[in-house]
C-alpha atoms as a PDB file:
ATOM      1  CA  MET A   1       0.000   0.000   0.000  1.00  0.00           C
ATOM      2  CA  GLY A   2       1.182   3.500  -0.785  1.00  0.00           C
ATOM      3  CA  LYS A   3       1.505   6.138   1.884  1.00  0.00           C
ATOM      4  CA  VAL A   4      -0.783   9.168   1.917  1.00  0.00           C
ATOM      5  CA  LEU A   5      -0.293  12.484   3.689  1.00  0.00           C
ATOM      6  CA  LEU A   6      -3.306  14.763   4.194  1.00  0.00           C
ATOM      7  CA  ILE A   7      -2.575  18.459   4.758  1.00  0.00           C
ATOM      8  CA  SER A   8      -5.346  20.808   5.848  1.00  0.00           C
ATOM      9  CA  GLN A   9      -5.293  23.932   3.669  1.00  0.00           C
ATOM     10  CA  ASP A  10      -8.325  26.127   3.005  1.00  0.00           C
ATOM     11  CA  ASN A  11      -6.888  28.837   0.736  1.00  0.00           C
ATOM     12  CA  TYR A  12      -4.325  29.490  -1.997  1.00  0.00           C
ATOM     13  CA  ASN A  13      -2.165  31.980  -0.091  1.00  0.00           C
ATOM     14  CA  GLN A  14       1.236  31.461  -1.700  1.00  0.00           C
ATOM     15  CA  ASN A  15       3.246  31.417   1.531  1.00  0.00           C
ATOM     16  CA  GLU A  16       0.937  28.832   3.056  1.00  0.00           C
ATOM     17  CA  ILE A  17       0.943  26.738  -0.112  1.00  0.00           C
ATOM     18  CA  ASP A  18       4.757  26.876  -0.188  1.00  0.00           C
ATOM     19  CA  MET A  19       4.904  25.527   3.356  1.00  0.00           C
ATOM     20  CA  ALA A  20       2.360  22.797   2.594  1.00  0.00           C
ATOM     21  CA  ILE A  21       4.171  21.652  -0.557  1.00  0.00           C
ATOM     22  CA  ASN A  22       7.558  21.701   1.190  1.00  0.00           C
ATOM     23  CA  ARG A  23       6.064  19.650   3.999  1.00  0.00           C
ATOM     24  CA  ALA A  24       4.783  17.069   1.498  1.00  0.00           C
ATOM     25  CA  PHE A  25       8.155  16.712  -0.241  1.00  0.00           C
ATOM     26  CA  ASN A  26      10.029  16.492   3.043  1.00  0.00           C
ATOM     27  CA  HIS A  27       7.576  14.031   4.593  1.00  0.00           C
ATOM     28  CA  PHE A  28       8.255  11.528   1.822  1.00  0.00           C
ATOM     29  CA  GLY A  29      11.962  12.298   1.651  1.00  0.00           C
ATOM     30  CA  ILE A  30      11.816  13.606  -1.915  1.00  0.00           C
ATOM     31  CA  SER A  31      14.921  15.531  -2.958  1.00  0.00           C
ATOM     32  CA  PHE A  32      16.730  16.249  -6.204  1.00  0.00           C
ATOM     33  CA  LYS A  33      20.267  16.322  -7.537  1.00  0.00           C
ATOM     34  CA  SER A  34      21.745  19.368  -9.213  1.00  0.00           C
ATOM     35  CA  GLY A  35      20.969  19.250 -12.921  1.00  0.00           C
ATOM     36  CA  GLU A  36      18.301  16.554 -12.641  1.00  0.00           C
ATOM     37  CA  LYS A  37      15.409  16.885 -15.094  1.00  0.00           C
ATOM     38  CA  VAL A  38      12.168  17.006 -13.117  1.00  0.00           C
ATOM     39  CA  LEU A  39       8.866  16.858 -14.985  1.00  0.00           C
ATOM     40  CA  LEU A  40       6.022  18.670 -13.228  1.00  0.00           C
ATOM     41  CA  LYS A  41       2.982  16.982 -14.761  1.00  0.00           C
ATOM     42  CA  VAL A  42       0.149  19.472 -14.271  1.00  0.00           C
ATOM     43  CA  ASN A  43      -3.525  19.055 -15.152  1.00  0.00           C
ATOM     44  CA  LEU A  44      -4.282  21.327 -18.113  1.00  0.00           C
ATOM     45  CA  VAL A  45      -7.181  19.449 -19.635  1.00  0.00           C
ATOM     46  CA  ALA A  46      -8.583  22.592 -21.307  1.00  0.00           C
ATOM     47  CA  ALA A  47      -8.353  26.374 -21.349  1.00  0.00           C
ATOM     48  CA  HIS A  48     -10.212  27.532 -18.230  1.00  0.00           C
ATOM     49  CA  GLU A  49      -9.811  30.440 -15.861  1.00  0.00           C
ATOM     50  CA  VAL A  50      -8.281  29.601 -12.496  1.00  0.00           C
ATOM     51  CA  SER A  51     -11.594  30.363 -10.774  1.00  0.00           C
ATOM     52  CA  ARG A  52     -13.250  27.408 -12.554  1.00  0.00           C
ATOM     53  CA  ARG A  53     -10.987  25.023 -10.576  1.00  0.00           C
ATOM     54  CA  VAL A  54     -10.636  22.690 -13.551  1.00  0.00           C
ATOM     55  CA  THR A  55      -6.836  22.844 -13.704  1.00  0.00           C
ATOM     56  CA  THR A  56      -3.996  22.641 -11.173  1.00  0.00           C
ATOM     57  CA  ASP A  57      -3.783  25.964  -9.336  1.00  0.00           C
ATOM     58  CA  PRO A  58      -0.766  28.143 -10.238  1.00  0.00           C
ATOM     59  CA  ALA A  59       0.128  28.472  -6.543  1.00  0.00           C
ATOM     60  CA  ILE A  60       0.634  24.709  -6.333  1.00  0.00           C
ATOM     61  CA  VAL A  61       2.768  24.666  -9.479  1.00  0.00           C
ATOM     62  CA  ARG A  62       4.831  27.653  -8.320  1.00  0.00           C
ATOM     63  CA  ALA A  63       5.535  26.059  -4.929  1.00  0.00           C
ATOM     64  CA  ALA A  64       6.580  22.716  -6.444  1.00  0.00           C
ATOM     65  CA  ALA A  65       8.790  24.376  -9.064  1.00  0.00           C
ATOM     66  CA  LYS A  66      10.535  26.517  -6.440  1.00  0.00           C
ATOM     67  CA  PHE A  67      11.211  23.438  -4.315  1.00  0.00           C
ATOM     68  CA  VAL A  68      12.858  21.726  -7.294  1.00  0.00           C
ATOM     69  CA  LEU A  69      14.866  24.835  -8.183  1.00  0.00           C
ATOM     70  CA  ASP A  70      16.217  25.105  -4.650  1.00  0.00           C
ATOM     71  CA  PHE A  71      18.137  21.863  -5.267  1.00  0.00           C
ATOM     72  CA  GLY A  72      19.619  23.142  -8.520  1.00  0.00           C
ATOM     73  CA  ALA A  73      17.483  20.717 -10.502  1.00  0.00           C
ATOM     74  CA  VAL A  74      15.720  21.664 -13.750  1.00  0.00           C
ATOM     75  CA  PRO A  75      11.903  21.635 -13.608  1.00  0.00           C
ATOM     76  CA  LEU A  76       9.773  21.337 -16.732  1.00  0.00           C
ATOM     77  CA  ILE A  77       6.043  22.126 -16.530  1.00  0.00           C
ATOM     78  CA  ALA A  78       4.180  19.972 -19.021  1.00  0.00           C
ATOM     79  CA  ASP A  79       0.922  18.381 -20.085  1.00  0.00           C
ATOM     80  CA  SER A  80      -0.998  17.472 -23.213  1.00  0.00           C
ATOM     81  CA  PRO A  81      -4.527  18.960 -23.100  1.00  0.00           C
ATOM     82  CA  GLY A  82      -7.250  16.854 -24.621  1.00  0.00           C
ATOM     83  CA  ILE A  83      -9.439  19.742 -25.756  1.00  0.00           C
ATOM     84  CA  ASP A  84      -7.744  23.127 -26.303  1.00  0.00           C
ATOM     85  CA  SER A  85      -4.232  23.929 -27.452  1.00  0.00           C
ATOM     86  CA  PHE A  86      -1.488  23.687 -24.848  1.00  0.00           C
ATOM     87  CA  ALA A  87      -0.479  27.353 -25.262  1.00  0.00           C
ATOM     88  CA  ARG A  88      -4.033  28.580 -24.717  1.00  0.00           C
ATOM     89  CA  ALA A  89      -4.646  26.298 -21.740  1.00  0.00           C
ATOM     90  CA  ALA A  90      -1.337  27.263 -20.105  1.00  0.00           C
ATOM     91  CA  GLU A  91      -2.057  30.982 -20.485  1.00  0.00           C
ATOM     92  CA  LYS A  92      -5.670  30.842 -19.363  1.00  0.00           C
ATOM     93  CA  SER A  93      -4.854  28.763 -16.284  1.00  0.00           C
ATOM     94  CA  GLY A  94      -2.058  31.086 -15.142  1.00  0.00           C
ATOM     95  CA  ILE A  95       0.528  28.318 -15.353  1.00  0.00           C
ATOM     96  CA  ALA A  96       2.413  29.895 -18.262  1.00  0.00           C
ATOM     97  CA  GLN A  97       2.853  32.997 -16.099  1.00  0.00           C
ATOM     98  CA  VAL A  98       4.440  30.850 -13.370  1.00  0.00           C
ATOM     99  CA  ALA A  99       6.948  29.510 -15.911  1.00  0.00           C
ATOM    100  CA  ARG A 100       7.843  33.041 -17.001  1.00  0.00           C
ATOM    101  CA  GLU A 101       8.239  34.225 -13.402  1.00  0.00           C
ATOM    102  CA  LEU A 102      10.640  31.416 -12.563  1.00  0.00           C
ATOM    103  CA  SER A 103      12.364  31.324 -15.985  1.00  0.00           C
ATOM    104  CA  ILE A 104      11.590  27.658 -16.503  1.00  0.00           C
ATOM    105  CA  GLU A 105      10.223  25.780 -19.478  1.00  0.00           C
ATOM    106  CA  CYS A 106       6.524  25.113 -19.999  1.00  0.00           C
ATOM    107  CA  ARG A 107       5.962  22.663 -22.828  1.00  0.00           C
ATOM    108  CA  GLU A 108       3.355  20.444 -24.449  1.00  0.00           C
ATOM    109  CA  LEU A 109       3.993  16.722 -24.146  1.00  0.00           C
ATOM    110  CA  SER A 110       4.583  15.255 -27.611  1.00  0.00           C
ATOM    111  CA  ASP A 111       6.856  12.782 -29.450  1.00  0.00           C
ATOM    112  CA  PRO A 112       5.041   9.516 -28.596  1.00  0.00           C
ATOM    113  CA  THR A 113       6.878   6.334 -27.708  1.00  0.00           C
ATOM    114  CA  GLU A 114       5.471   3.072 -26.390  1.00  0.00           C
ATOM    115  CA  ILE A 115       5.302   1.399 -22.993  1.00  0.00           C
ATOM    116  CA  ASN A 116       3.778  -1.952 -22.073  1.00  0.00           C
ATOM    117  CA  GLY A 117       1.428  -2.448 -19.176  1.00  0.00           C
ATOM    118  CA  THR A 118      -0.107  -5.459 -17.465  1.00  0.00           C
ATOM    119  CA  ASP A 119      -3.467  -5.288 -19.230  1.00  0.00           C
ATOM    120  CA  PHE A 120      -2.586  -3.100 -22.207  1.00  0.00           C
ATOM    121  CA  HIS A 121       0.389  -3.210 -24.533  1.00  0.00           C
ATOM    122  CA  ARG A 122       1.845  -0.545 -26.803  1.00  0.00           C
ATOM    123  CA  ILE A 123       0.528   2.458 -24.883  1.00  0.00           C
ATOM    124  CA  SER A 124       1.832   5.660 -26.471  1.00  0.00           C
ATOM    125  CA  VAL A 125       3.212   8.162 -23.967  1.00  0.00           C
ATOM    126  CA  SER A 126       5.382  11.212 -24.491  1.00  0.00           C
ATOM    127  CA  ARG A 127       9.111  10.526 -24.752  1.00  0.00           C
ATOM    128  CA  GLN A 128       9.681  13.659 -22.620  1.00  0.00           C
ATOM    129  CA  VAL A 129       7.995  11.873 -19.721  1.00  0.00           C
ATOM    130  CA  LEU A 130      10.264   8.853 -19.945  1.00  0.00           C
ATOM    131  CA  ASP A 131      13.359  11.037 -20.434  1.00  0.00           C
ATOM    132  CA  ALA A 132      12.775  12.870 -17.132  1.00  0.00           C
ATOM    133  CA  ASP A 133      14.879  11.831 -14.148  1.00  0.00           C
ATOM    134  CA  LYS A 134      11.918  12.291 -11.821  1.00  0.00           C
ATOM    135  CA  ILE A 135       8.220  12.987 -12.305  1.00  0.00           C
ATOM    136  CA  ILE A 136       6.033  14.929  -9.881  1.00  0.00           C
ATOM    137  CA  SER A 137       2.340  14.625 -10.651  1.00  0.00           C
ATOM    138  CA  LEU A 138       0.392  17.777  -9.729  1.00  0.00           C
ATOM    139  CA  ALA A 139      -3.176  16.564 -10.048  1.00  0.00           C
ATOM    140  CA  LYS A 140      -6.521  18.298  -9.460  1.00  0.00           C
ATOM    141  CA  LEU A 141      -9.333  17.018  -7.248  1.00  0.00           C
ATOM    142  CA  LYS A 142     -12.485  16.913  -9.376  1.00  0.00           C
ATOM    143  CA  THR A 143     -15.475  14.899 -10.453  1.00  0.00           C
ATOM    144  CA  HIS A 144     -15.442  13.025 -13.745  1.00  0.00           C
ATOM    145  CA  GLY A 145     -18.450  12.137 -15.866  1.00  0.00           C
ATOM    146  CA  GLN A 146     -17.231   8.610 -16.446  1.00  0.00           C
ATOM    147  CA  MET A 147     -15.046   7.692 -13.464  1.00  0.00           C
ATOM    148  CA  TYR A 148     -17.085   9.758 -10.959  1.00  0.00           C
ATOM    149  CA  LEU A 149     -14.065  11.062  -9.062  1.00  0.00           C
ATOM    150  CA  THR A 150     -10.490  11.555 -10.219  1.00  0.00           C
ATOM    151  CA  LEU A 151      -7.711  11.784  -7.653  1.00  0.00           C
ATOM    152  CA  GLY A 152      -4.029  11.372  -8.454  1.00  0.00           C
ATOM    153  CA  VAL A 153      -3.962   8.511 -10.951  1.00  0.00           C
ATOM    154  CA  LYS A 154      -5.904   9.873 -13.936  1.00  0.00           C
ATOM    155  CA  ASN A 155      -3.650  12.939 -14.221  1.00  0.00           C
ATOM    156  CA  LEU A 156      -1.081  10.703 -15.914  1.00  0.00           C
ATOM    157  CA  PHE A 157      -3.515   9.962 -18.760  1.00  0.00           C
ATOM    158  CA  GLY A 158      -2.267  13.352 -19.971  1.00  0.00           C
ATOM    159  CA  CYS A 159       1.092  11.717 -20.702  1.00  0.00           C
ATOM    160  CA  ILE A 160      -0.570  10.331 -23.843  1.00  0.00           C
ATOM    161  CA  PRO A 161       0.112  13.024 -26.472  1.00  0.00           C
ATOM    162  CA  GLY A 162      -2.683  15.086 -27.972  1.00  0.00           C
ATOM    163  CA  ARG A 163      -5.331  13.396 -30.024  1.00  0.00           C
ATOM    164  CA  LEU A 164      -4.060   9.889 -29.298  1.00  0.00           C
ATOM    165  CA  LYS A 165      -6.159  10.130 -26.118  1.00  0.00           C
ATOM    166  CA  ALA A 166      -9.328  10.110 -28.188  1.00  0.00           C
ATOM    167  CA  GLY A 167      -8.551   6.650 -29.542  1.00  0.00           C
ATOM    168  CA  TRP A 168      -8.159   5.219 -26.038  1.00  0.00           C
ATOM    169  CA  HIS A 169     -11.366   6.904 -24.907  1.00  0.00           C
ATOM    170  CA  TYR A 170     -13.147   5.390 -27.886  1.00  0.00           C
ATOM    171  CA  ASN A 171     -11.674   1.893 -27.470  1.00  0.00           C
ATOM    172  CA  VAL A 172     -11.920   1.417 -23.699  1.00  0.00           C
ATOM    173  CA  GLY A 173     -13.494   4.562 -22.324  1.00  0.00           C
ATOM    174  CA  LEU A 174     -17.050   3.278 -22.284  1.00  0.00           C
ATOM    175  CA  ASN A 175     -16.030   0.415 -20.006  1.00  0.00           C
ATOM    176  CA  ARG A 176     -15.203   1.858 -16.585  1.00  0.00           C
ATOM    177  CA  GLU A 177     -13.203  -1.178 -15.439  1.00  0.00           C
ATOM    178  CA  LYS A 178     -11.113  -1.290 -18.617  1.00  0.00           C
ATOM    179  CA  PHE A 179     -10.430   2.432 -18.454  1.00  0.00           C
ATOM    180  CA  ALA A 180      -9.365   2.098 -14.815  1.00  0.00           C
ATOM    181  CA  ALA A 181      -6.987  -0.729 -15.812  1.00  0.00           C
ATOM    182  CA  LEU A 182      -5.522   1.467 -18.551  1.00  0.00           C
ATOM    183  CA  LEU A 183      -4.947   4.301 -16.078  1.00  0.00           C
ATOM    184  CA  LEU A 184      -3.157   1.918 -13.716  1.00  0.00           C
ATOM    185  CA  ASP A 185      -0.953   0.626 -16.549  1.00  0.00           C
ATOM    186  CA  ILE A 186       0.045   4.195 -17.445  1.00  0.00           C
ATOM    187  CA  TYR A 187       0.733   4.978 -13.791  1.00  0.00           C
ATOM    188  CA  GLY A 188       2.894   1.874 -13.480  1.00  0.00           C
ATOM    189  CA  GLY A 189       4.833   2.753 -16.615  1.00  0.00           C
ATOM    190  CA  VAL A 190       5.406   6.401 -15.738  1.00  0.00           C
ATOM    191  CA  LYS A 191       6.180   5.813 -12.027  1.00  0.00           C
ATOM    192  CA  PRO A 192       5.891   9.313 -10.528  1.00  0.00           C
ATOM    193  CA  SER A 193       8.122   9.986  -7.529  1.00  0.00           C
ATOM    194  CA  LEU A 194       5.283  11.843  -5.809  1.00  0.00           C
ATOM    195  CA  THR A 195       1.683  12.802  -6.507  1.00  0.00           C
ATOM    196  CA  ILE A 196       0.413  16.075  -5.039  1.00  0.00           C
ATOM    197  CA  LEU A 197      -3.349  16.500  -5.259  1.00  0.00           C
ATOM    198  CA  ASP A 198      -4.677  20.056  -5.370  1.00  0.00           C
ATOM    199  CA  GLY A 199      -7.852  19.695  -3.322  1.00  0.00           C
ATOM    200  CA  VAL A 200      -7.912  23.101  -1.657  1.00  0.00           C
ATOM    201  CA  ILE A 201     -10.942  23.815  -3.813  1.00  0.00           C
ATOM    202  CA  GLY A 202     -12.235  20.892  -5.899  1.00  0.00           C
ATOM    203  CA  MET A 203     -14.266  20.960  -9.087  1.00  0.00           C
ATOM    204  CA  HIS A 204     -17.766  19.513  -9.163  1.00  0.00           C
ATOM    205  CA  GLY A 205     -19.676  19.130 -12.404  1.00  0.00           C
END
């Protein structure tokens, strides 16, 4: 069984978020080496304002990126939105602004390569994900029309580049159990070092 840390936090005050994120990293003993490539896998499913609470909050992303930078490692903010363009989603969500503030890269996941899972074989995920030394998943607490509730695991479905997601949704998406198995295979192939779930304010509907 994996270990879970719950941190009570009722607002997005940056100083408080910084302390909460630092506490999470330290609790699990997560650190980085100078020069390590660290992928910050955010949830940028579509271009929505921060107030909609559809995407990972910029305060969470900023805190995680600063923690990585403090070790001299190289953070990369990335995702592959399933609906809007990456550039539009990153700008609308405020995450592109975080990247500019901290002078770090913010990039769309692309260049598919294949991994094999337990139930599914030849799953296309971005080569940038597999090339990272460590992956930190920055997921968003929200409801989902098909899976009811998404926590930390489904965020990694975004490692499948662009429109390739549609094929998986079409092939297995109507079967909840099969889709869950696919998500677990992706999680097992990507192996994030830590998942941080932004549940300060969740999205319903």
